Protein backbone atom coordinates (compact mmCIF):
# COMPACT_ATOMS: atom_id res chain seq x y z
CA MET A 1 -11.57 6.38 -11.70
CA THR A 2 -10.77 3.37 -13.86
CA ILE A 3 -7.24 2.07 -13.64
CA THR A 4 -5.81 -0.17 -16.35
CA THR A 5 -2.80 -2.31 -15.56
CA PRO A 6 -0.16 -2.61 -18.27
CA SER A 7 0.05 -5.99 -19.97
CA THR A 8 3.26 -7.92 -20.44
CA ALA A 9 4.91 -7.18 -23.78
CA ALA A 10 4.33 -10.00 -26.22
CA GLY A 11 5.78 -11.22 -29.48
CA GLY A 12 9.31 -12.45 -29.93
CA GLN A 13 12.03 -13.08 -27.39
CA ARG A 14 13.54 -10.31 -25.37
CA ARG A 15 17.23 -9.81 -25.62
CA PRO A 16 19.12 -10.13 -22.32
CA THR A 17 19.15 -6.93 -20.31
CA PRO A 18 22.47 -5.95 -18.73
CA ILE A 19 22.39 -6.43 -14.97
CA SER A 20 23.41 -2.79 -14.54
CA LEU A 21 20.04 -1.85 -16.04
CA MET A 22 18.29 -3.77 -13.34
CA LEU A 23 20.35 -2.47 -10.44
CA LEU A 24 17.89 -0.02 -9.00
CA GLY A 25 16.87 1.30 -12.39
CA ARG A 26 20.01 2.96 -13.63
CA GLY A 27 18.70 3.00 -17.18
CA THR A 28 15.59 2.12 -19.15
CA ASP A 29 14.36 -1.03 -20.84
CA PRO A 30 12.94 -0.53 -24.35
CA PHE A 31 11.41 -4.00 -24.21
CA THR A 32 8.85 -3.07 -21.56
CA GLU A 33 5.36 -1.72 -22.26
CA ARG A 34 5.16 0.58 -25.25
CA GLY A 35 5.58 4.22 -24.36
CA VAL A 36 6.72 3.58 -20.81
CA GLU A 37 10.12 4.74 -19.62
CA CYS A 38 11.02 4.53 -15.95
CA PRO A 39 14.16 6.45 -15.03
CA GLY A 40 15.91 4.99 -12.03
CA ASP A 41 16.78 8.27 -10.34
CA LEU A 42 14.36 10.96 -9.27
CA PRO A 43 15.23 14.51 -10.30
CA ALA A 44 16.95 16.66 -7.74
CA ALA A 45 14.98 19.32 -5.94
CA ALA A 46 14.75 22.46 -8.07
CA ASP A 47 16.16 24.70 -5.34
CA PRO A 48 19.28 23.44 -3.50
CA ALA A 49 18.35 25.69 -0.57
CA LEU A 50 15.13 23.77 0.08
CA ALA A 51 16.72 21.38 2.55
CA ASP A 52 17.97 24.29 4.66
CA ARG A 53 14.52 25.88 4.56
CA ALA A 54 12.91 22.63 5.70
CA LYS A 55 15.34 22.38 8.62
CA ALA A 56 14.66 25.97 9.62
CA ALA A 57 10.89 25.53 9.50
CA LYS A 58 11.06 22.33 11.57
CA ALA A 59 13.23 24.05 14.16
CA ALA A 60 10.83 26.99 14.37
CA LEU A 61 7.83 24.70 14.96
CA GLY A 62 9.59 22.49 17.49
CA ASP A 63 7.45 19.94 19.35
CA GLU A 64 4.27 21.37 17.86
CA LEU A 65 5.15 19.55 14.64
CA LEU A 66 5.32 15.81 13.92
CA VAL A 67 6.44 14.77 10.44
CA LEU A 68 5.47 11.24 9.42
CA GLY A 69 7.24 9.53 6.51
CA HIS A 70 6.02 6.40 4.76
CA HIS A 71 8.66 3.89 3.68
CA TYR A 72 7.92 4.58 0.00
CA GLN A 73 8.76 8.29 0.20
CA ARG A 74 11.69 9.92 -1.57
CA ASP A 75 14.97 10.14 0.36
CA GLU A 76 14.86 13.94 0.09
CA VAL A 77 11.59 13.84 2.07
CA ILE A 78 12.19 10.90 4.40
CA GLN A 79 15.25 12.65 5.88
CA PHE A 80 12.89 15.11 7.59
CA ALA A 81 10.53 12.49 9.05
CA ASP A 82 10.40 12.19 12.83
CA VAL A 83 8.90 8.72 12.44
CA THR A 84 9.10 6.34 9.47
CA GLY A 85 6.95 3.30 8.88
CA ASP A 86 3.83 1.94 7.22
CA SER A 87 0.49 3.69 7.21
CA PHE A 88 -1.18 2.33 10.35
CA LYS A 89 1.96 2.54 12.47
CA LEU A 90 2.33 6.18 11.48
CA ALA A 91 -1.30 6.98 12.31
CA GLN A 92 -0.83 5.37 15.72
CA GLN A 93 2.34 7.39 16.29
CA ALA A 94 0.42 10.57 15.56
CA ALA A 95 -2.28 9.58 18.05
CA GLY A 96 0.44 8.92 20.62
CA ARG A 97 1.78 12.48 20.32
CA PRO A 98 -1.11 14.68 21.51
CA GLU A 99 1.38 17.43 22.36
CA SER A 100 1.92 17.92 18.61
CA PRO A 101 -1.03 19.81 17.11
CA TYR A 102 0.39 19.69 13.58
CA ILE A 103 0.83 16.33 11.85
CA VAL A 104 2.45 16.54 8.42
CA PHE A 105 1.89 13.18 6.75
CA CYS A 106 4.31 12.38 3.95
CA GLY A 107 2.32 9.59 2.37
CA VAL A 108 -0.95 9.36 0.48
CA HIS A 109 -4.52 10.48 1.10
CA PHE A 110 -5.99 7.39 2.79
CA MET A 111 -3.08 7.36 5.25
CA ALA A 112 -3.74 10.96 6.26
CA GLU A 113 -7.42 10.06 6.72
CA SER A 114 -6.47 7.22 9.07
CA ALA A 115 -4.33 9.61 11.07
CA ASP A 116 -7.22 12.07 11.35
CA ILE A 117 -9.52 9.26 12.52
CA LEU A 118 -7.14 8.23 15.31
CA THR A 119 -5.83 11.60 16.47
CA ALA A 120 -7.42 14.04 18.93
CA ASP A 121 -9.68 16.88 17.83
CA HIS A 122 -7.02 19.53 18.43
CA GLN A 123 -4.56 17.79 16.11
CA GLN A 124 -4.57 18.78 12.45
CA VAL A 125 -3.35 16.39 9.75
CA ILE A 126 -1.72 17.93 6.69
CA LEU A 127 -0.97 16.27 3.35
CA PRO A 128 1.66 18.34 1.50
CA ASP A 129 0.13 17.55 -1.92
CA LEU A 130 -3.58 16.74 -2.23
CA ALA A 131 -2.86 14.90 -5.48
CA ALA A 132 -1.03 12.19 -3.53
CA GLY A 133 -3.69 9.53 -3.72
CA CYS A 134 -3.61 5.75 -4.03
CA SER A 135 -4.70 3.94 -7.17
CA MET A 136 -5.75 0.89 -5.16
CA ALA A 137 -7.88 2.87 -2.73
CA ASP A 138 -9.48 4.71 -5.65
CA MET A 139 -10.60 1.40 -7.17
CA ALA A 140 -13.34 1.03 -4.54
CA THR A 141 -15.72 3.96 -4.09
CA PHE A 142 -18.47 4.11 -1.49
CA ASP A 143 -21.25 4.04 -4.11
CA GLN A 144 -19.71 1.03 -5.84
CA VAL A 145 -19.44 -0.89 -2.58
CA GLU A 146 -23.02 0.01 -1.63
CA ASP A 147 -24.15 -1.33 -5.02
CA CYS A 148 -22.14 -4.50 -4.38
CA TRP A 149 -23.89 -5.01 -1.06
CA GLU A 150 -27.26 -4.76 -2.79
CA VAL A 151 -26.10 -7.46 -5.21
CA LEU A 152 -25.17 -9.66 -2.25
CA GLN A 153 -28.57 -8.99 -0.68
CA ASP A 154 -30.36 -9.94 -3.89
CA ALA A 155 -28.34 -13.18 -3.99
CA GLY A 156 -29.33 -13.90 -0.38
CA VAL A 157 -25.77 -13.93 0.95
CA ALA A 158 -25.36 -10.51 2.57
CA ASP A 159 -26.36 -11.79 6.01
CA SER A 160 -23.62 -14.41 5.91
CA THR A 161 -20.94 -12.08 4.48
CA ILE A 162 -18.46 -10.13 6.61
CA PRO A 163 -16.59 -7.26 4.94
CA VAL A 164 -12.85 -7.17 5.54
CA SER A 165 -11.12 -4.06 4.19
CA TYR A 166 -7.41 -3.63 3.73
CA MET A 167 -5.84 -0.66 5.47
CA ASN A 168 -5.15 0.75 2.00
CA SER A 169 -8.71 1.99 1.58
CA SER A 170 -10.53 5.28 1.95
CA ALA A 171 -12.20 6.39 5.15
CA ASP A 172 -15.58 5.84 3.42
CA ILE A 173 -14.77 2.18 2.78
CA LYS A 174 -13.49 1.71 6.33
CA ALA A 175 -16.74 3.24 7.57
CA PHE A 176 -18.81 0.91 5.35
CA THR A 177 -16.87 -1.99 6.84
CA GLY A 178 -17.51 -0.86 10.39
CA LYS A 179 -21.20 -0.23 9.74
CA HIS A 180 -21.59 -3.80 8.45
CA ASN A 181 -19.77 -5.36 11.42
CA GLY A 182 -16.57 -6.03 9.55
CA THR A 183 -12.93 -5.37 10.31
CA ILE A 184 -9.85 -3.76 8.82
CA CYS A 185 -6.67 -5.72 8.20
CA THR A 186 -3.05 -5.04 7.34
CA SER A 187 -0.78 -7.22 5.23
CA SER A 188 0.68 -8.60 8.47
CA ASN A 189 -2.58 -9.60 10.16
CA ALA A 190 -4.79 -10.44 7.17
CA LYS A 191 -4.78 -14.15 8.08
CA ARG A 192 -6.15 -13.53 11.58
CA ALA A 193 -8.71 -11.03 10.31
CA LEU A 194 -9.99 -13.49 7.71
CA GLU A 195 -10.11 -16.33 10.24
CA TRP A 196 -12.26 -14.17 12.50
CA ALA A 197 -14.53 -13.05 9.65
CA LEU A 198 -15.12 -16.60 8.41
CA GLU A 199 -15.98 -17.67 11.95
CA GLN A 200 -18.64 -14.94 12.05
CA GLY A 201 -20.37 -15.45 8.74
CA GLY A 202 -18.82 -18.04 6.48
CA LYS A 203 -18.18 -15.60 3.62
CA VAL A 204 -15.91 -12.59 3.20
CA LEU A 205 -16.16 -9.55 0.96
CA PHE A 206 -12.51 -8.49 0.72
CA LEU A 207 -11.79 -4.87 -0.25
CA PRO A 208 -10.07 -3.42 -2.23
CA ASP A 209 -6.98 -5.55 -3.04
CA GLN A 210 -7.82 -8.82 -4.75
CA HIS A 211 -4.24 -10.11 -4.53
CA LEU A 212 -3.80 -9.80 -0.76
CA GLY A 213 -7.20 -11.43 -0.25
CA ARG A 214 -6.49 -14.29 -2.64
CA ASN A 215 -2.93 -14.89 -1.42
CA THR A 216 -3.99 -14.95 2.23
CA ALA A 217 -6.98 -17.23 1.62
CA VAL A 218 -5.09 -19.75 -0.50
CA ARG A 219 -1.60 -19.67 0.99
CA GLU A 220 -2.43 -19.21 4.66
CA LEU A 221 -5.97 -20.50 5.16
CA GLY A 222 -5.83 -23.48 2.82
CA LEU A 223 -8.71 -22.41 0.59
CA SER A 224 -8.56 -23.10 -3.13
CA LEU A 225 -8.65 -20.67 -6.03
CA ASP A 226 -12.10 -22.08 -6.80
CA ASP A 227 -13.29 -20.79 -3.42
CA CYS A 228 -12.57 -17.24 -4.62
CA VAL A 229 -14.60 -15.16 -7.08
CA LEU A 230 -13.74 -11.72 -8.45
CA TYR A 231 -16.32 -8.95 -8.17
CA ASP A 232 -15.87 -6.34 -10.92
CA PRO A 233 -17.65 -3.07 -10.00
CA HIS A 234 -17.70 -2.04 -13.66
CA LYS A 235 -19.86 -5.00 -14.72
CA PRO A 236 -23.57 -5.56 -13.98
CA GLY A 237 -23.87 -7.66 -10.86
CA GLY A 238 -20.12 -7.56 -10.53
CA GLY A 239 -19.88 -9.95 -13.47
CA LEU A 240 -21.05 -12.80 -11.22
CA THR A 241 -24.19 -14.89 -11.01
CA ALA A 242 -26.14 -15.42 -7.81
CA ASP A 243 -25.05 -19.06 -7.83
CA GLN A 244 -21.40 -18.05 -8.04
CA LEU A 245 -21.82 -15.72 -5.08
CA ARG A 246 -23.59 -18.41 -3.06
CA ALA A 247 -20.85 -20.95 -3.79
CA ALA A 248 -17.92 -18.63 -3.03
CA THR A 249 -16.15 -18.26 0.29
CA MET A 250 -14.05 -15.25 -0.72
CA ILE A 251 -15.65 -12.46 -2.76
CA LEU A 252 -12.64 -10.45 -3.92
CA TRP A 253 -12.98 -6.87 -5.09
CA ARG A 254 -11.30 -6.20 -8.42
CA GLY A 255 -8.62 -3.83 -7.17
CA HIS A 256 -4.83 -3.94 -6.96
CA CYS A 257 -1.70 -1.93 -6.26
CA SER A 258 -0.33 -0.40 -9.45
CA VAL A 259 3.24 -0.99 -8.24
CA HIS A 260 2.98 -4.53 -6.86
CA GLY A 261 0.63 -5.57 -9.64
CA ARG A 262 3.29 -4.91 -12.28
CA PHE A 263 5.50 -7.80 -11.17
CA THR A 264 5.02 -10.94 -13.27
CA LEU A 265 6.13 -14.55 -13.27
CA ASP A 266 8.50 -13.59 -16.09
CA SER A 267 10.13 -11.12 -13.71
CA VAL A 268 10.87 -13.93 -11.28
CA HIS A 269 12.21 -16.31 -13.95
CA ASP A 270 14.32 -13.53 -15.44
CA VAL A 271 16.02 -12.50 -12.21
CA ARG A 272 16.71 -16.12 -11.25
CA ALA A 273 18.40 -16.65 -14.63
CA ARG A 274 20.56 -13.54 -14.25
CA ILE A 275 21.58 -13.61 -10.59
CA PRO A 276 22.88 -16.92 -9.15
CA ASP A 277 21.35 -17.98 -5.83
CA VAL A 278 19.10 -14.92 -5.68
CA ASN A 279 16.39 -14.83 -3.04
CA VAL A 280 13.06 -13.52 -4.31
CA LEU A 281 11.28 -11.47 -1.63
CA VAL A 282 7.87 -10.00 -2.43
CA HIS A 283 4.95 -8.20 -0.85
CA PRO A 284 1.62 -10.12 -0.62
CA GLU A 285 -0.02 -7.43 -2.78
CA CYS A 286 1.74 -9.09 -5.73
CA ARG A 287 -0.11 -11.42 -8.10
CA HIS A 288 -0.78 -14.96 -6.89
CA GLU A 289 1.59 -16.57 -9.41
CA VAL A 290 4.40 -14.23 -8.34
CA VAL A 291 3.85 -14.92 -4.65
CA SER A 292 3.66 -18.66 -5.32
CA SER A 293 7.06 -18.60 -7.04
CA ALA A 294 8.82 -16.35 -4.48
CA ASP A 295 11.09 -17.53 -1.69
CA TYR A 296 9.84 -15.08 0.94
CA ILE A 297 6.56 -13.20 1.23
CA GLY A 298 5.69 -10.51 3.73
CA SER A 299 4.74 -6.96 4.61
CA THR A 300 6.94 -3.92 4.16
CA GLU A 301 8.25 -4.25 7.70
CA TYR A 302 8.94 -7.94 7.07
CA ILE A 303 10.88 -7.06 3.92
CA ILE A 304 12.99 -4.52 5.82
CA GLN A 305 13.72 -6.95 8.65
CA THR A 306 14.49 -9.84 6.31
CA ILE A 307 17.07 -7.87 4.34
CA ALA A 308 18.63 -6.54 7.56
CA ALA A 309 19.00 -10.07 8.99
CA ALA A 310 20.29 -11.63 5.76
CA PRO A 311 23.89 -12.83 5.66
CA SER A 312 26.56 -10.69 4.05
CA GLY A 313 27.09 -11.55 0.41
CA SER A 314 23.53 -12.78 -0.16
CA ALA A 315 21.51 -11.62 -3.17
CA TRP A 316 17.93 -10.37 -3.05
CA ALA A 317 15.39 -9.42 -5.69
CA VAL A 318 12.66 -7.43 -3.97
CA GLY A 319 9.13 -6.99 -5.27
CA THR A 320 7.98 -3.74 -3.70
CA GLU A 321 8.22 0.02 -4.27
CA LEU A 322 11.55 1.24 -5.66
CA ASN A 323 12.27 4.01 -3.14
CA LEU A 324 12.35 1.39 -0.40
CA VAL A 325 14.38 -1.09 -2.45
CA GLN A 326 16.92 1.59 -3.24
CA ARG A 327 17.10 2.62 0.41
CA LEU A 328 17.67 -1.00 1.47
CA ALA A 329 20.43 -1.40 -1.12
CA ASN A 330 22.19 1.72 0.16
CA ARG A 331 21.71 0.64 3.78
CA HIS A 332 23.18 -2.83 3.18
CA PRO A 333 26.10 -2.46 0.75
CA ASP A 334 27.42 -5.89 1.75
CA LYS A 335 24.41 -7.50 0.03
CA THR A 336 23.10 -7.42 -3.52
CA VAL A 337 19.62 -5.85 -3.44
CA VAL A 338 17.83 -5.31 -6.75
CA PHE A 339 14.34 -4.45 -7.93
CA LEU A 340 12.41 -7.51 -9.11
CA ASP A 341 11.17 -6.09 -12.39
CA ARG A 342 13.37 -5.45 -15.45
CA SER A 343 11.99 -1.95 -15.75
CA VAL A 344 11.79 0.10 -12.59
CA CYS A 345 9.10 2.59 -11.64
CA TYR A 346 8.35 4.54 -8.51
CA CYS A 347 4.87 4.83 -7.05
CA SER A 348 3.74 7.94 -8.91
CA THR A 349 1.34 9.11 -6.21
CA MET A 350 3.75 8.57 -3.32
CA ASN A 351 6.25 10.65 -5.22
CA ARG A 352 3.86 13.57 -5.42
CA ILE A 353 5.21 14.45 -1.98
CA ASP A 354 8.48 16.14 -2.85
CA LEU A 355 10.70 18.63 -1.07
CA PRO A 356 9.08 21.74 -2.59
CA HIS A 357 5.63 20.63 -1.35
CA LEU A 358 6.98 19.71 2.08
CA VAL A 359 8.76 23.06 2.49
CA TRP A 360 5.63 24.91 1.37
CA ALA A 361 3.50 23.11 3.98
CA LEU A 362 6.04 23.65 6.77
CA GLU A 363 6.65 27.33 6.04
CA ALA A 364 2.90 27.92 5.88
CA LEU A 365 2.64 26.51 9.41
CA VAL A 366 5.43 28.81 10.57
CA ASP A 367 3.37 31.70 9.17
CA GLY A 368 0.29 30.47 11.06
CA THR A 369 -1.56 28.93 8.08
CA VAL A 370 -2.67 25.30 7.90
CA VAL A 371 -2.72 24.13 4.27
CA ASN A 372 -4.18 20.92 2.82
CA ARG A 373 -5.78 19.78 6.05
CA ILE A 374 -7.34 16.31 5.80
CA THR A 375 -10.53 15.88 7.81
CA VAL A 376 -12.97 13.00 8.17
CA ASP A 377 -16.56 13.82 9.13
CA ASP A 378 -17.89 12.60 12.47
CA GLN A 379 -20.15 9.84 11.17
CA THR A 380 -17.50 8.38 8.87
CA ARG A 381 -14.96 8.64 11.65
CA HIS A 382 -17.26 6.78 14.06
CA TYR A 383 -17.83 3.74 11.85
CA ALA A 384 -14.27 3.68 10.47
CA LYS A 385 -12.85 3.74 14.00
CA ALA A 386 -15.22 0.92 14.96
CA ALA A 387 -13.72 -1.22 12.19
CA LEU A 388 -10.17 -0.29 13.24
CA ASP A 389 -10.92 -0.99 16.91
CA ARG A 390 -12.40 -4.36 15.94
CA MET A 391 -9.12 -5.24 14.23
CA LEU A 392 -7.12 -4.30 17.31
CA SER A 393 -9.41 -6.33 19.57
CA LEU A 394 -8.91 -9.62 17.70
CA PRO A 395 -6.94 -12.15 19.75
CA GLY A 396 -3.34 -12.47 18.65
CA ILE A 397 -3.64 -9.62 16.19
CA VAL A 398 -0.54 -7.83 14.93
CA ALA A 399 -1.26 -4.27 13.89
CA LYS A 400 1.80 -3.73 11.70
CA ASP A 401 1.11 -3.05 8.01
C-alpha cells in the first residue's frame, strides 16, 4: 500500500485561526489541505446501551478476559481497558497474565501480533476490528525489505549492516530483523539500540520510521544529516547509488506515522505566536525540523509524565495523537493543553476500534466464539521473538515505547 502524506497548503497568507478552533479541535480549519475536514469530537456510540452491554460481558468473562487499551484509543473504549499503555508494555502485560486465555487488544494489528508472539500458546489475542492497521507498519512489507537487503548485498554493505526495526512494524519485519541478527527498538530506547547496532556493524538499516531513526541518530548520537540516506522501496535500488550506500551510516526506510508526520515547522511557529510562553512537546516520530524546534521530545509515556509533572497554569502544545491530547487536557484542567496542529485529526486506524466492535467481540466470547483472532506462525514468531529478546538483553535498555 502506498501512503501519500498531505503537503502544507501554499499560496497566500493564512488568516489567524481563533484559539478556540485549536483547543482540541472544536471546529474545522478551511485553510488546511483541500478536501480535509477534521472534526474535533468523535461521534457518540450508535446505541446508548452499548456501555452496559460491555460491562455485562466483561463481568461474565471475569478473569478469563484481559482487555488492553492503547493510549490512542477512544475514551468510550479505553474505559473498559484493564491495562492502558503503549504497544510493547501491553504485550508484556498480556504475557504476564497467563491465567487470562482471552486477550482483547484495543489497538492496531502489529500490536496484537506482538502480544501473540509474547503470550503462551493457550492465550488467544483478539483484535475487535481487523481493519485497524497502521499506515507506518504497512509502509514496509517483507518482500520490499528482502529486495532492499539484496540491494545492500550488491553494494557490498550487507555484512556490515545491522537492521534495527521500530516496534511499530509487522511481525514479518520483526522476524526479518531477528533473522539478520538485528534488534527491535522503542521510541524510548532507540538510542541504546542504535549504539549497540553501530558497535556490531558500523551501519544500520532502520525500519520503518525514517523520522525516529533520523532524530535519534542526529540528536542523540551526534551524527549529521549527511550520514543518513533515505531508501525508497518504490524506486529502483531504493533511489540510491552503491556509493551512497557505502558512505552512509544510517540507511533510513522511507516510512512515517501519518499522524506525527502531519506536524510542520509552521505548526510550531503558529502556536508560539498564539499562546504566550507555550511549551512545545512532541513525539520523536515527528519530522526532524519539528523536533529540532520543540522544547521537549519524548515517547508517549514521556509526554504523559511531563504533562502530569508540569506546574499549574503552564501551557503545552502537544504533537501526538489527538485522543491522548484530549485525555491529558481533561485530566489536567489546571493547565492549558492543546493539539500542536491548527487542524486536528485522530489516527483513523486506531479509531477503527469503537464500542460497537468491542461489544461484538466481548459478547462473542461470552457465547463461546473467538472472533478476529490474531496469530503469528511459528517460524515468524521464533525470529521476531529473537529480535525482541535481543532488545531486552541490551545493557541499560528501557523497554517502554
